[in-house]
Amino acid sequence: ERFLAGTAELQVVFTPDEHTCLHHYAWTRDLLMVVTLADVASRVQVYT
């Protein structure tokens, strides 16, 4: 809602680097599951 109103503060969830990128993600009700690739090897993290 704040983004629609133009008052949102953007927060960085993930930033890539030379070897690592975002692959895919999915929500449960209250948490975000994120899969990244590091030189094509997967890593899985859960974000609050």
All heavy atoms as atom14 arrays in JSON, in Angstrom:
{
  "sequence": "ERFLAGTAELQVVFTPDEHTCLHHYAWTRDLLMVVTLADVASRVQVYT",
  "atom14_mask": [
    [1, 1, 1, 1, 1, 1, 1, 1, 1, 0, 0, 0, 0, 0],
    [1, 1, 1, 1, 1, 1, 1, 1, 1, 1, 1, 0, 0, 0],
    [1, 1, 1, 1, 1, 1, 1, 1, 1, 1, 1, 0, 0, 0],
    [1, 1, 1, 1, 1, 1, 1, 1, 0, 0, 0, 0, 0, 0],
    [1, 1, 1, 1, 1, 0, 0, 0, 0, 0, 0, 0, 0, 0],
    [1, 1, 1, 1, 0, 0, 0, 0, 0, 0, 0, 0, 0, 0],
    [1, 1, 1, 1, 1, 1, 1, 0, 0, 0, 0, 0, 0, 0],
    [1, 1, 1, 1, 1, 0, 0, 0, 0, 0, 0, 0, 0, 0],
    [1, 1, 1, 1, 1, 1, 1, 1, 1, 0, 0, 0, 0, 0],
    [1, 1, 1, 1, 1, 1, 1, 1, 0, 0, 0, 0, 0, 0],
    [1, 1, 1, 1, 1, 1, 1, 1, 1, 0, 0, 0, 0, 0],
    [1, 1, 1, 1, 1, 1, 1, 0, 0, 0, 0, 0, 0, 0],
    [1, 1, 1, 1, 1, 1, 1, 0, 0, 0, 0, 0, 0, 0],
    [1, 1, 1, 1, 1, 1, 1, 1, 1, 1, 1, 0, 0, 0],
    [1, 1, 1, 1, 1, 1, 1, 0, 0, 0, 0, 0, 0, 0],
    [1, 1, 1, 1, 1, 1, 1, 0, 0, 0, 0, 0, 0, 0],
    [1, 1, 1, 1, 1, 1, 1, 1, 0, 0, 0, 0, 0, 0],
    [1, 1, 1, 1, 1, 1, 1, 1, 1, 0, 0, 0, 0, 0],
    [1, 1, 1, 1, 1, 1, 1, 1, 1, 1, 0, 0, 0, 0],
    [1, 1, 1, 1, 1, 1, 1, 0, 0, 0, 0, 0, 0, 0],
    [1, 1, 1, 1, 1, 1, 0, 0, 0, 0, 0, 0, 0, 0],
    [1, 1, 1, 1, 1, 1, 1, 1, 0, 0, 0, 0, 0, 0],
    [1, 1, 1, 1, 1, 1, 1, 1, 1, 1, 0, 0, 0, 0],
    [1, 1, 1, 1, 1, 1, 1, 1, 1, 1, 0, 0, 0, 0],
    [1, 1, 1, 1, 1, 1, 1, 1, 1, 1, 1, 1, 0, 0],
    [1, 1, 1, 1, 1, 0, 0, 0, 0, 0, 0, 0, 0, 0],
    [1, 1, 1, 1, 1, 1, 1, 1, 1, 1, 1, 1, 1, 1],
    [1, 1, 1, 1, 1, 1, 1, 0, 0, 0, 0, 0, 0, 0],
    [1, 1, 1, 1, 1, 1, 1, 1, 1, 1, 1, 0, 0, 0],
    [1, 1, 1, 1, 1, 1, 1, 1, 0, 0, 0, 0, 0, 0],
    [1, 1, 1, 1, 1, 1, 1, 1, 0, 0, 0, 0, 0, 0],
    [1, 1, 1, 1, 1, 1, 1, 1, 0, 0, 0, 0, 0, 0],
    [1, 1, 1, 1, 1, 1, 1, 1, 0, 0, 0, 0, 0, 0],
    [1, 1, 1, 1, 1, 1, 1, 0, 0, 0, 0, 0, 0, 0],
    [1, 1, 1, 1, 1, 1, 1, 0, 0, 0, 0, 0, 0, 0],
    [1, 1, 1, 1, 1, 1, 1, 0, 0, 0, 0, 0, 0, 0],
    [1, 1, 1, 1, 1, 1, 1, 1, 0, 0, 0, 0, 0, 0],
    [1, 1, 1, 1, 1, 0, 0, 0, 0, 0, 0, 0, 0, 0],
    [1, 1, 1, 1, 1, 1, 1, 1, 0, 0, 0, 0, 0, 0],
    [1, 1, 1, 1, 1, 1, 1, 0, 0, 0, 0, 0, 0, 0],
    [1, 1, 1, 1, 1, 0, 0, 0, 0, 0, 0, 0, 0, 0],
    [1, 1, 1, 1, 1, 1, 0, 0, 0, 0, 0, 0, 0, 0],
    [1, 1, 1, 1, 1, 1, 1, 1, 1, 1, 1, 0, 0, 0],
    [1, 1, 1, 1, 1, 1, 1, 0, 0, 0, 0, 0, 0, 0],
    [1, 1, 1, 1, 1, 1, 1, 1, 1, 0, 0, 0, 0, 0],
    [1, 1, 1, 1, 1, 1, 1, 0, 0, 0, 0, 0, 0, 0],
    [1, 1, 1, 1, 1, 1, 1, 1, 1, 1, 1, 1, 0, 0],
    [1, 1, 1, 1, 1, 1, 1, 0, 0, 0, 0, 0, 0, 0]
  ],
  "atom14_positions": [
    [[0.83, -1.21, 0.0], [0.0, 0.0, 0.0], [0.86, 1.25, 0.0], [0.54, 2.24, -0.67], [-0.94, -0.01, 1.2], [-2.02, -1.08, 1.14], [-2.98, -0.88, -0.04], [-3.12, 0.27, -0.51], [-3.57, -1.87, -0.49], [0.0, 0.0, 0.0], [0.0, 0.0, 0.0], [0.0, 0.0, 0.0], [0.0, 0.0, 0.0], [0.0, 0.0, 0.0]],
    [[1.96, 1.24, 0.75], [2.84, 2.4, 0.76], [3.5, 2.61, -0.6], [3.73, 3.74, -1.02], [3.89, 2.25, 1.86], [3.32, 2.37, 3.27], [4.42, 2.23, 4.32], [3.88, 2.33, 5.66], [4.59, 2.2, 6.76], [5.91, 1.94, 6.66], [4.02, 2.3, 7.95], [0.0, 0.0, 0.0], [0.0, 0.0, 0.0], [0.0, 0.0, 0.0]],
    [[3.81, 1.5, -1.27], [4.41, 1.65, -2.6], [3.43, 2.31, -3.56], [3.8, 3.19, -4.34], [4.86, 0.29, -3.15], [5.63, 0.4, -4.44], [6.98, 0.64, -4.44], [4.98, 0.27, -5.66], [7.7, 0.76, -5.62], [5.67, 0.39, -6.85], [7.04, 0.63, -6.83], [0.0, 0.0, 0.0], [0.0, 0.0, 0.0], [0.0, 0.0, 0.0]],
    [[2.16, 1.88, -3.52], [1.16, 2.52, -4.38], [1.03, 4.0, -4.06], [0.81, 4.83, -4.95], [-0.19, 1.83, -4.21], [-0.34, 0.41, -4.76], [-1.8, -0.03, -4.67], [0.15, 0.29, -6.2], [0.0, 0.0, 0.0], [0.0, 0.0, 0.0], [0.0, 0.0, 0.0], [0.0, 0.0, 0.0], [0.0, 0.0, 0.0], [0.0, 0.0, 0.0]],
    [[1.18, 4.34, -2.79], [1.04, 5.74, -2.37], [2.31, 6.55, -2.63], [2.3, 7.78, -2.46], [0.68, 5.79, -0.89], [0.0, 0.0, 0.0], [0.0, 0.0, 0.0], [0.0, 0.0, 0.0], [0.0, 0.0, 0.0], [0.0, 0.0, 0.0], [0.0, 0.0, 0.0], [0.0, 0.0, 0.0], [0.0, 0.0, 0.0], [0.0, 0.0, 0.0]],
    [[3.4, 5.87, -3.01], [4.64, 6.58, -3.28], [5.44, 6.9, -2.04], [6.37, 7.72, -2.09], [0.0, 0.0, 0.0], [0.0, 0.0, 0.0], [0.0, 0.0, 0.0], [0.0, 0.0, 0.0], [0.0, 0.0, 0.0], [0.0, 0.0, 0.0], [0.0, 0.0, 0.0], [0.0, 0.0, 0.0], [0.0, 0.0, 0.0], [0.0, 0.0, 0.0]],
    [[5.14, 6.25, -0.91], [5.83, 6.55, 0.34], [6.65, 5.37, 0.86], [7.15, 5.42, 1.99], [4.8, 6.95, 1.43], [3.9, 5.86, 1.64], [4.03, 8.19, 1.0], [0.0, 0.0, 0.0], [0.0, 0.0, 0.0], [0.0, 0.0, 0.0], [0.0, 0.0, 0.0], [0.0, 0.0, 0.0], [0.0, 0.0, 0.0], [0.0, 0.0, 0.0]],
    [[6.81, 4.34, 0.07], [7.49, 3.13, 0.54], [9.0, 3.33, 0.62], [9.6, 4.04, -0.21], [7.18, 1.96, -0.37], [0.0, 0.0, 0.0], [0.0, 0.0, 0.0], [0.0, 0.0, 0.0], [0.0, 0.0, 0.0], [0.0, 0.0, 0.0], [0.0, 0.0, 0.0], [0.0, 0.0, 0.0], [0.0, 0.0, 0.0], [0.0, 0.0, 0.0]],
    [[9.58, 2.69, 1.61], [11.03, 2.58, 1.72], [11.41, 1.18, 1.23], [11.07, 0.18, 1.86], [11.48, 2.77, 3.16], [12.98, 2.66, 3.36], [13.76, 3.85, 2.79], [13.15, 4.93, 2.66], [14.95, 3.69, 2.48], [0.0, 0.0, 0.0], [0.0, 0.0, 0.0], [0.0, 0.0, 0.0], [0.0, 0.0, 0.0], [0.0, 0.0, 0.0]],
    [[12.12, 1.12, 0.09], [12.49, -0.19, -0.46], [13.57, -0.84, 0.39], [14.53, -0.18, 0.81], [12.98, -0.05, -1.89], [11.95, 0.39, -2.94], [12.58, 0.4, -4.32], [10.75, -0.53, -2.92], [0.0, 0.0, 0.0], [0.0, 0.0, 0.0], [0.0, 0.0, 0.0], [0.0, 0.0, 0.0], [0.0, 0.0, 0.0], [0.0, 0.0, 0.0]],
    [[13.41, -2.12, 0.64], [14.39, -2.88, 1.38], [14.99, -3.95, 0.47], [14.3, -4.57, -0.34], [13.74, -3.55, 2.6], [13.22, -2.56, 3.62], [12.45, -3.27, 4.73], [11.28, -3.61, 4.56], [13.1, -3.5, 5.86], [0.0, 0.0, 0.0], [0.0, 0.0, 0.0], [0.0, 0.0, 0.0], [0.0, 0.0, 0.0], [0.0, 0.0, 0.0]],
    [[16.28, -4.16, 0.61], [16.99, -5.14, -0.21], [16.91, -6.51, 0.46], [17.36, -6.68, 1.59], [18.45, -4.75, -0.43], [19.18, -5.84, -1.23], [18.54, -3.41, -1.14], [0.0, 0.0, 0.0], [0.0, 0.0, 0.0], [0.0, 0.0, 0.0], [0.0, 0.0, 0.0], [0.0, 0.0, 0.0], [0.0, 0.0, 0.0], [0.0, 0.0, 0.0]],
    [[16.31, -7.45, -0.23], [16.25, -8.83, 0.26], [17.48, -9.61, -0.19], [18.1, -10.34, 0.59], [14.97, -9.52, -0.23], [14.91, -10.97, 0.26], [13.73, -8.75, 0.2], [0.0, 0.0, 0.0], [0.0, 0.0, 0.0], [0.0, 0.0, 0.0], [0.0, 0.0, 0.0], [0.0, 0.0, 0.0], [0.0, 0.0, 0.0], [0.0, 0.0, 0.0]],
    [[17.87, -9.43, -1.45], [19.01, -10.17, -2.01], [19.71, -9.3, -3.03], [19.07, -8.62, -3.84], [18.54, -11.47, -2.67], [19.62, -12.17, -3.45], [20.54, -12.98, -2.81], [19.74, -11.98, -4.82], [21.56, -13.61, -3.53], [20.74, -12.6, -5.55], [21.65, -13.42, -4.9], [0.0, 0.0, 0.0], [0.0, 0.0, 0.0], [0.0, 0.0, 0.0]],
    [[21.05, -9.33, -3.0], [21.87, -8.66, -4.0], [22.82, -9.68, -4.61], [23.5, -10.41, -3.87], [22.69, -7.51, -3.38], [21.8, -6.58, -2.78], [23.51, -6.8, -4.44], [0.0, 0.0, 0.0], [0.0, 0.0, 0.0], [0.0, 0.0, 0.0], [0.0, 0.0, 0.0], [0.0, 0.0, 0.0], [0.0, 0.0, 0.0], [0.0, 0.0, 0.0]],
    [[22.91, -9.77, -5.93], [23.79, -10.75, -6.56], [25.25, -10.32, -6.49], [25.57, -9.16, -6.21], [23.3, -10.78, -8.01], [22.8, -9.39, -8.24], [22.19, -8.95, -6.93], [0.0, 0.0, 0.0], [0.0, 0.0, 0.0], [0.0, 0.0, 0.0], [0.0, 0.0, 0.0], [0.0, 0.0, 0.0], [0.0, 0.0, 0.0], [0.0, 0.0, 0.0]],
    [[26.14, -11.26, -6.75], [27.54, -10.93, -6.92], [28.06, -11.65, -8.16], [27.27, -12.22, -8.93], [28.37, -11.26, -5.68], [28.31, -12.74, -5.29], [28.2, -13.59, -6.21], [28.37, -13.04, -4.09], [0.0, 0.0, 0.0], [0.0, 0.0, 0.0], [0.0, 0.0, 0.0], [0.0, 0.0, 0.0], [0.0, 0.0, 0.0], [0.0, 0.0, 0.0]],
    [[29.35, -11.66, -8.35], [29.94, -12.22, -9.57], [29.61, -13.69, -9.75], [29.53, -14.19, -10.87], [31.45, -12.01, -9.54], [32.17, -12.47, -10.79], [33.67, -12.23, -10.72], [34.13, -11.64, -9.71], [34.37, -12.64, -11.65], [0.0, 0.0, 0.0], [0.0, 0.0, 0.0], [0.0, 0.0, 0.0], [0.0, 0.0, 0.0], [0.0, 0.0, 0.0]],
    [[29.4, -14.4, -8.64], [29.2, -15.85, -8.71], [27.79, -16.29, -8.34], [27.42, -17.43, -8.61], [30.2, -16.56, -7.78], [31.63, -16.36, -8.16], [32.26, -17.1, -9.13], [32.56, -15.47, -7.69], [33.51, -16.7, -9.26], [33.72, -15.72, -8.4], [0.0, 0.0, 0.0], [0.0, 0.0, 0.0], [0.0, 0.0, 0.0], [0.0, 0.0, 0.0]],
    [[27.01, -15.41, -7.71], [25.74, -15.82, -7.11], [24.58, -15.02, -7.68], [24.69, -13.8, -7.88], [25.79, -15.64, -5.58], [26.94, -16.29, -5.07], [24.55, -16.24, -4.93], [0.0, 0.0, 0.0], [0.0, 0.0, 0.0], [0.0, 0.0, 0.0], [0.0, 0.0, 0.0], [0.0, 0.0, 0.0], [0.0, 0.0, 0.0], [0.0, 0.0, 0.0]],
    [[23.45, -15.7, -7.92], [22.27, -15.03, -8.44], [21.01, -15.63, -7.81], [21.04, -16.73, -7.24], [22.19, -15.13, -9.96], [21.78, -16.79, -10.56], [0.0, 0.0, 0.0], [0.0, 0.0, 0.0], [0.0, 0.0, 0.0], [0.0, 0.0, 0.0], [0.0, 0.0, 0.0], [0.0, 0.0, 0.0], [0.0, 0.0, 0.0], [0.0, 0.0, 0.0]],
    [[19.93, -14.89, -7.91], [18.63, -15.38, -7.47], [18.11, -16.4, -8.49], [18.16, -16.15, -9.7], [17.66, -14.2, -7.35], [16.23, -14.52, -6.93], [16.18, -15.04, -5.52], [15.37, -13.26, -7.07], [0.0, 0.0, 0.0], [0.0, 0.0, 0.0], [0.0, 0.0, 0.0], [0.0, 0.0, 0.0], [0.0, 0.0, 0.0], [0.0, 0.0, 0.0]],
    [[17.63, -17.53, -7.99], [17.09, -18.57, -8.89], [15.56, -18.58, -8.85], [14.91, -18.37, -9.87], [17.67, -19.93, -8.51], [17.32, -21.02, -9.46], [17.19, -20.83, -10.83], [17.08, -22.35, -9.26], [16.89, -21.96, -11.42], [16.81, -22.9, -10.49], [0.0, 0.0, 0.0], [0.0, 0.0, 0.0], [0.0, 0.0, 0.0], [0.0, 0.0, 0.0]],
    [[14.97, -18.82, -7.67], [13.52, -18.72, -7.54], [13.17, -18.6, -6.05], [14.03, -18.79, -5.18], [12.79, -19.9, -8.18], [13.08, -21.24, -7.58], [14.19, -21.99, -7.9], [12.42, -21.99, -6.66], [14.19, -23.12, -7.24], [13.11, -23.15, -6.47], [0.0, 0.0, 0.0], [0.0, 0.0, 0.0], [0.0, 0.0, 0.0], [0.0, 0.0, 0.0]],
    [[11.9, -18.25, -5.8], [11.48, -18.1, -4.41], [10.0, -18.45, -4.29], [9.28, -18.54, -5.29], [11.74, -16.68, -3.9], [11.01, -15.58, -4.65], [9.7, -15.24, -4.33], [11.65, -14.86, -5.66], [9.03, -14.23, -5.01], [10.99, -13.85, -6.34], [9.68, -13.54, -6.01], [9.03, -12.54, -6.69], [0.0, 0.0, 0.0], [0.0, 0.0, 0.0]],
    [[9.54, -18.65, -3.05], [8.14, -18.96, -2.8], [7.8, -18.55, -1.37], [8.63, -18.61, -0.46], [7.85, -20.45, -3.0], [0.0, 0.0, 0.0], [0.0, 0.0, 0.0], [0.0, 0.0, 0.0], [0.0, 0.0, 0.0], [0.0, 0.0, 0.0], [0.0, 0.0, 0.0], [0.0, 0.0, 0.0], [0.0, 0.0, 0.0], [0.0, 0.0, 0.0]],
    [[6.53, -18.16, -1.17], [6.05, -17.73, 0.14], [5.32, -18.87, 0.86], [4.56, -19.62, 0.26], [5.04, -16.6, -0.01], [5.6, -15.24, -0.25], [5.71, -14.6, -1.46], [6.07, -14.32, 0.74], [6.23, -13.34, -1.29], [6.46, -13.14, 0.05], [6.2, -14.37, 2.12], [6.97, -12.02, 0.72], [6.71, -13.27, 2.79], [7.1, -12.11, 2.09]],
    [[5.58, -18.98, 2.16], [4.59, -19.57, 3.04], [3.78, -18.39, 3.58], [3.94, -17.26, 3.11], [5.24, -20.35, 4.19], [6.05, -19.46, 4.97], [6.09, -21.49, 3.65], [0.0, 0.0, 0.0], [0.0, 0.0, 0.0], [0.0, 0.0, 0.0], [0.0, 0.0, 0.0], [0.0, 0.0, 0.0], [0.0, 0.0, 0.0], [0.0, 0.0, 0.0]],
    [[2.93, -18.63, 4.55], [2.12, -17.51, 5.04], [2.98, -16.38, 5.57], [2.76, -15.2, 5.25], [1.15, -17.98, 6.13], [0.18, -16.88, 6.59], [-0.64, -17.35, 7.79], [-1.68, -16.38, 8.12], [-1.48, -15.26, 8.81], [-0.26, -14.96, 9.25], [-2.49, -14.45, 9.08], [0.0, 0.0, 0.0], [0.0, 0.0, 0.0], [0.0, 0.0, 0.0]],
    [[4.01, -16.69, 6.35], [4.75, -15.67, 7.08], [6.23, -15.6, 6.75], [6.93, -14.72, 7.28], [4.6, -15.91, 8.6], [3.15, -15.81, 9.05], [2.46, -14.87, 8.63], [2.71, -16.71, 9.81], [0.0, 0.0, 0.0], [0.0, 0.0, 0.0], [0.0, 0.0, 0.0], [0.0, 0.0, 0.0], [0.0, 0.0, 0.0], [0.0, 0.0, 0.0]],
    [[6.72, -16.48, 5.91], [8.15, -16.51, 5.61], [8.38, -16.64, 4.11], [7.52, -17.15, 3.38], [8.84, -17.66, 6.35], [8.85, -17.58, 7.89], [9.39, -18.87, 8.48], [9.66, -16.38, 8.37], [0.0, 0.0, 0.0], [0.0, 0.0, 0.0], [0.0, 0.0, 0.0], [0.0, 0.0, 0.0], [0.0, 0.0, 0.0], [0.0, 0.0, 0.0]],
    [[9.57, -16.21, 3.67], [9.94, -16.27, 2.26], [11.09, -17.26, 2.08], [12.14, -17.12, 2.7], [10.37, -14.89, 1.77], [10.81, -14.79, 0.31], [9.63, -15.02, -0.64], [11.47, -13.44, 0.04], [0.0, 0.0, 0.0], [0.0, 0.0, 0.0], [0.0, 0.0, 0.0], [0.0, 0.0, 0.0], [0.0, 0.0, 0.0], [0.0, 0.0, 0.0]],
    [[10.86, -18.26, 1.23], [11.9, -19.24, 0.9], [12.59, -18.8, -0.39], [11.92, -18.53, -1.39], [11.3, -20.63, 0.7], [10.45, -21.14, 1.86], [11.43, -21.49, 3.32], [12.55, -22.74, 2.69], [0.0, 0.0, 0.0], [0.0, 0.0, 0.0], [0.0, 0.0, 0.0], [0.0, 0.0, 0.0], [0.0, 0.0, 0.0], [0.0, 0.0, 0.0]],
    [[13.93, -18.73, -0.37], [14.69, -18.23, -1.52], [15.76, -19.25, -1.9], [16.52, -19.72, -1.04], [15.35, -16.87, -1.21], [16.23, -16.42, -2.37], [14.29, -15.82, -0.92], [0.0, 0.0, 0.0], [0.0, 0.0, 0.0], [0.0, 0.0, 0.0], [0.0, 0.0, 0.0], [0.0, 0.0, 0.0], [0.0, 0.0, 0.0], [0.0, 0.0, 0.0]],
    [[15.82, -19.58, -3.2], [16.87, -20.44, -3.73], [17.79, -19.58, -4.6], [17.32, -18.87, -5.5], [16.3, -21.6, -4.57], [17.42, -22.48, -5.12], [15.33, -22.43, -3.74], [0.0, 0.0, 0.0], [0.0, 0.0, 0.0], [0.0, 0.0, 0.0], [0.0, 0.0, 0.0], [0.0, 0.0, 0.0], [0.0, 0.0, 0.0], [0.0, 0.0, 0.0]],
    [[19.07, -19.62, -4.32], [20.05, -18.92, -5.13], [20.99, -19.93, -5.79], [21.05, -21.1, -5.39], [20.87, -17.93, -4.28], [21.53, -18.65, -3.22], [19.96, -16.86, -3.69], [0.0, 0.0, 0.0], [0.0, 0.0, 0.0], [0.0, 0.0, 0.0], [0.0, 0.0, 0.0], [0.0, 0.0, 0.0], [0.0, 0.0, 0.0], [0.0, 0.0, 0.0]],
    [[21.72, -19.47, -6.79], [22.73, -20.29, -7.45], [24.1, -19.66, -7.25], [24.28, -18.47, -7.5], [22.44, -20.41, -8.95], [21.16, -21.12, -9.38], [21.03, -21.11, -10.9], [21.1, -22.54, -8.84], [0.0, 0.0, 0.0], [0.0, 0.0, 0.0], [0.0, 0.0, 0.0], [0.0, 0.0, 0.0], [0.0, 0.0, 0.0], [0.0, 0.0, 0.0]],
    [[25.05, -20.45, -6.8], [26.44, -20.02, -6.67], [27.27, -20.9, -7.6], [27.49, -22.08, -7.32], [26.92, -20.16, -5.22], [0.0, 0.0, 0.0], [0.0, 0.0, 0.0], [0.0, 0.0, 0.0], [0.0, 0.0, 0.0], [0.0, 0.0, 0.0], [0.0, 0.0, 0.0], [0.0, 0.0, 0.0], [0.0, 0.0, 0.0], [0.0, 0.0, 0.0]],
    [[27.7, -20.32, -8.73], [28.34, -21.11, -9.79], [27.51, -22.34, -10.12], [28.0, -23.47, -10.23], [29.77, -21.51, -9.4], [30.74, -20.34, -9.49], [30.53, -19.47, -10.36], [31.7, -20.28, -8.69], [0.0, 0.0, 0.0], [0.0, 0.0, 0.0], [0.0, 0.0, 0.0], [0.0, 0.0, 0.0], [0.0, 0.0, 0.0], [0.0, 0.0, 0.0]],
    [[26.19, -22.12, -10.24], [25.18, -23.08, -10.66], [24.9, -24.15, -9.59], [24.22, -25.13, -9.86], [25.53, -23.75, -12.02], [24.27, -24.26, -12.71], [26.23, -22.78, -12.97], [0.0, 0.0, 0.0], [0.0, 0.0, 0.0], [0.0, 0.0, 0.0], [0.0, 0.0, 0.0], [0.0, 0.0, 0.0], [0.0, 0.0, 0.0], [0.0, 0.0, 0.0]],
    [[25.4, -23.96, -8.37], [25.05, -24.84, -7.25], [24.03, -24.13, -6.38], [24.17, -22.94, -6.08], [26.29, -25.18, -6.44], [0.0, 0.0, 0.0], [0.0, 0.0, 0.0], [0.0, 0.0, 0.0], [0.0, 0.0, 0.0], [0.0, 0.0, 0.0], [0.0, 0.0, 0.0], [0.0, 0.0, 0.0], [0.0, 0.0, 0.0], [0.0, 0.0, 0.0]],
    [[22.98, -24.83, -5.97], [21.87, -24.18, -5.27], [22.15, -24.0, -3.79], [22.82, -24.8, -3.15], [20.58, -24.99, -5.46], [20.72, -26.29, -4.94], [0.0, 0.0, 0.0], [0.0, 0.0, 0.0], [0.0, 0.0, 0.0], [0.0, 0.0, 0.0], [0.0, 0.0, 0.0], [0.0, 0.0, 0.0], [0.0, 0.0, 0.0], [0.0, 0.0, 0.0]],
    [[21.6, -22.9, -3.25], [21.61, -22.6, -1.82], [20.18, -22.19, -1.46], [19.54, -21.46, -2.21], [22.57, -21.46, -1.5], [24.01, -21.68, -1.95], [24.72, -22.72, -1.1], [26.13, -22.85, -1.48], [26.59, -23.69, -2.38], [25.74, -24.5, -3.02], [27.88, -23.76, -2.67], [0.0, 0.0, 0.0], [0.0, 0.0, 0.0], [0.0, 0.0, 0.0]],
    [[19.71, -22.61, -0.29], [18.34, -22.31, 0.12], [18.38, -21.57, 1.46], [19.05, -22.02, 2.4], [17.49, -23.58, 0.25], [16.03, -23.21, 0.52], [17.6, -24.43, -1.02], [0.0, 0.0, 0.0], [0.0, 0.0, 0.0], [0.0, 0.0, 0.0], [0.0, 0.0, 0.0], [0.0, 0.0, 0.0], [0.0, 0.0, 0.0], [0.0, 0.0, 0.0]],
    [[17.65, -20.45, 1.52], [17.56, -19.67, 2.75], [16.11, -19.29, 3.01], [15.29, -19.23, 2.08], [18.41, -18.4, 2.66], [19.92, -18.67, 2.6], [20.72, -17.39, 2.47], [20.57, -16.64, 1.51], [21.58, -17.13, 3.45], [0.0, 0.0, 0.0], [0.0, 0.0, 0.0], [0.0, 0.0, 0.0], [0.0, 0.0, 0.0], [0.0, 0.0, 0.0]],
    [[15.81, -19.02, 4.28], [14.48, -18.56, 4.66], [14.61, -17.16, 5.24], [15.46, -16.89, 6.08], [13.82, -19.55, 5.65], [14.66, -19.73, 6.9], [12.42, -19.09, 6.01], [0.0, 0.0, 0.0], [0.0, 0.0, 0.0], [0.0, 0.0, 0.0], [0.0, 0.0, 0.0], [0.0, 0.0, 0.0], [0.0, 0.0, 0.0], [0.0, 0.0, 0.0]],
    [[13.76, -16.24, 4.75], [13.81, -14.84, 5.14], [12.6, -14.48, 5.98], [11.47, -14.91, 5.69], [13.83, -13.94, 3.9], [15.14, -13.92, 3.15], [15.51, -14.96, 2.3], [16.01, -12.84, 3.28], [16.71, -14.93, 1.61], [17.22, -12.8, 2.59], [17.56, -13.85, 1.76], [18.75, -13.81, 1.07], [0.0, 0.0, 0.0], [0.0, 0.0, 0.0]],
    [[12.84, -13.63, 6.97], [11.77, -13.11, 7.81], [11.36, -11.74, 7.3], [12.2, -10.82, 7.25], [12.22, -12.99, 9.27], [12.62, -14.28, 9.74], [11.09, -12.45, 10.15], [0.0, 0.0, 0.0], [0.0, 0.0, 0.0], [0.0, 0.0, 0.0], [0.0, 0.0, 0.0], [0.0, 0.0, 0.0], [0.0, 0.0, 0.0], [0.0, 0.0, 0.0]]
  ]
}
